[in-house]
Protein backbone atom coordinates (compact mmCIF):
# COMPACT_ATOMS: atom_id res chain seq x y z
CA MET A 1 0.00 0.00 0.00
CA ALA A 2 1.43 3.35 -1.00
CA LEU A 3 0.90 6.11 1.55
CA THR A 4 0.29 9.11 -0.64
CA ILE A 5 -1.76 12.24 0.03
CA GLY A 6 -5.41 11.22 0.42
CA THR A 7 -4.70 7.57 1.35
CA ARG A 8 -6.62 6.33 4.40
CA LEU A 9 -4.97 4.10 6.97
CA GLY A 10 -7.80 3.03 9.29
CA PRO A 11 -9.32 6.25 10.65
CA TYR A 12 -6.29 8.27 9.56
CA GLU A 13 -6.06 10.22 6.33
CA ILE A 14 -2.60 10.92 4.95
CA LEU A 15 -2.36 14.65 4.35
CA ALA A 16 0.49 15.59 6.56
CA ALA A 17 -0.42 12.74 8.97
CA ILE A 18 -3.63 13.99 10.58
CA ASP A 19 -5.77 12.04 13.06
CA THR A 20 -9.26 12.56 11.59
CA ARG A 21 -11.02 11.65 14.87
CA LEU A 22 -9.12 13.99 17.19
CA LYS A 23 -8.17 16.59 14.55
CA ARG A 24 -4.48 16.71 15.38
CA GLN A 25 -1.20 16.02 13.61
CA VAL A 26 0.41 12.63 14.23
CA ALA A 27 3.52 10.76 13.16
CA ILE A 28 3.15 7.39 11.41
CA LYS A 29 5.95 4.84 11.33
CA ILE A 30 5.55 2.03 8.81
CA LEU A 31 7.48 -1.05 9.87
CA PRO A 32 8.91 -3.00 6.92
CA ALA A 33 9.30 -6.14 9.06
CA SER A 34 8.28 -7.42 12.47
CA LEU A 35 10.40 -6.40 15.42
CA ASN A 36 11.59 -9.42 17.35
CA ARG A 37 14.21 -8.47 19.90
CA PRO A 38 14.74 -9.49 23.54
CA ASN A 39 13.98 -5.99 24.89
CA ILE A 40 10.93 -5.28 22.72
CA ALA A 41 7.57 -6.73 23.77
CA GLN A 42 5.61 -8.25 20.91
CA ILE A 43 2.20 -6.72 20.15
CA TYR A 44 -0.35 -9.49 19.66
CA GLY A 45 -3.43 -7.42 18.99
CA LEU A 46 -5.60 -4.37 19.48
CA GLU A 47 -8.99 -5.09 20.99
CA ASP A 48 -12.12 -2.97 21.42
CA ALA A 49 -14.88 -4.44 23.60
CA ASP A 50 -17.82 -2.34 24.80
CA GLY A 51 -15.84 0.86 24.31
CA VAL A 52 -12.78 -0.40 26.21
CA LYS A 53 -9.66 -0.37 24.05
CA ALA A 54 -6.78 -2.68 24.93
CA LEU A 55 -3.31 -3.33 23.54
CA VAL A 56 -2.52 -7.04 23.94
CA MET A 57 1.21 -7.61 24.36
CA GLU A 58 3.72 -10.28 25.21
CA LEU A 59 4.22 -10.71 28.96
CA VAL A 60 7.79 -9.75 29.82
CA GLU A 61 8.80 -10.88 33.30
CA GLY A 62 10.67 -8.50 35.59
CA GLU A 63 10.39 -5.04 37.07
CA ASP A 64 8.31 -2.44 35.32
CA LEU A 65 9.88 0.95 34.62
CA SER A 66 8.48 2.63 37.74
CA GLN A 67 9.95 -0.13 39.92
CA ARG A 68 13.33 0.16 38.18
CA LEU A 69 13.38 3.96 38.56
CA ALA A 70 12.69 3.61 42.30
CA HIS A 71 16.30 2.33 42.55
CA GLY A 72 17.65 5.50 40.94
CA ALA A 73 18.50 6.76 37.47
CA VAL A 74 19.10 4.15 34.78
CA PRO A 75 22.72 4.24 33.58
CA LEU A 76 23.10 4.97 29.86
CA ALA A 77 24.60 1.54 29.08
CA GLU A 78 21.63 -0.20 30.74
CA ALA A 79 19.09 2.04 29.01
CA ILE A 80 20.60 1.28 25.60
């Protein structure tokens, strides 16, 4: 699919990348291949049930970011 001016990508119309629902500019990143890396959680799906929207992702065991930051700043080497 070519993303040219006027193309629609779900609810989004490509003009200068505008969200047609919320009337604001957005950035769109098209991924040429799936991302499968140890530090990137896989996205399994987007669900909408009774008005509740959910992003379904791979479960990655360990501390969440808020727990990690409670121990202090993350060193650059660890963050990378």
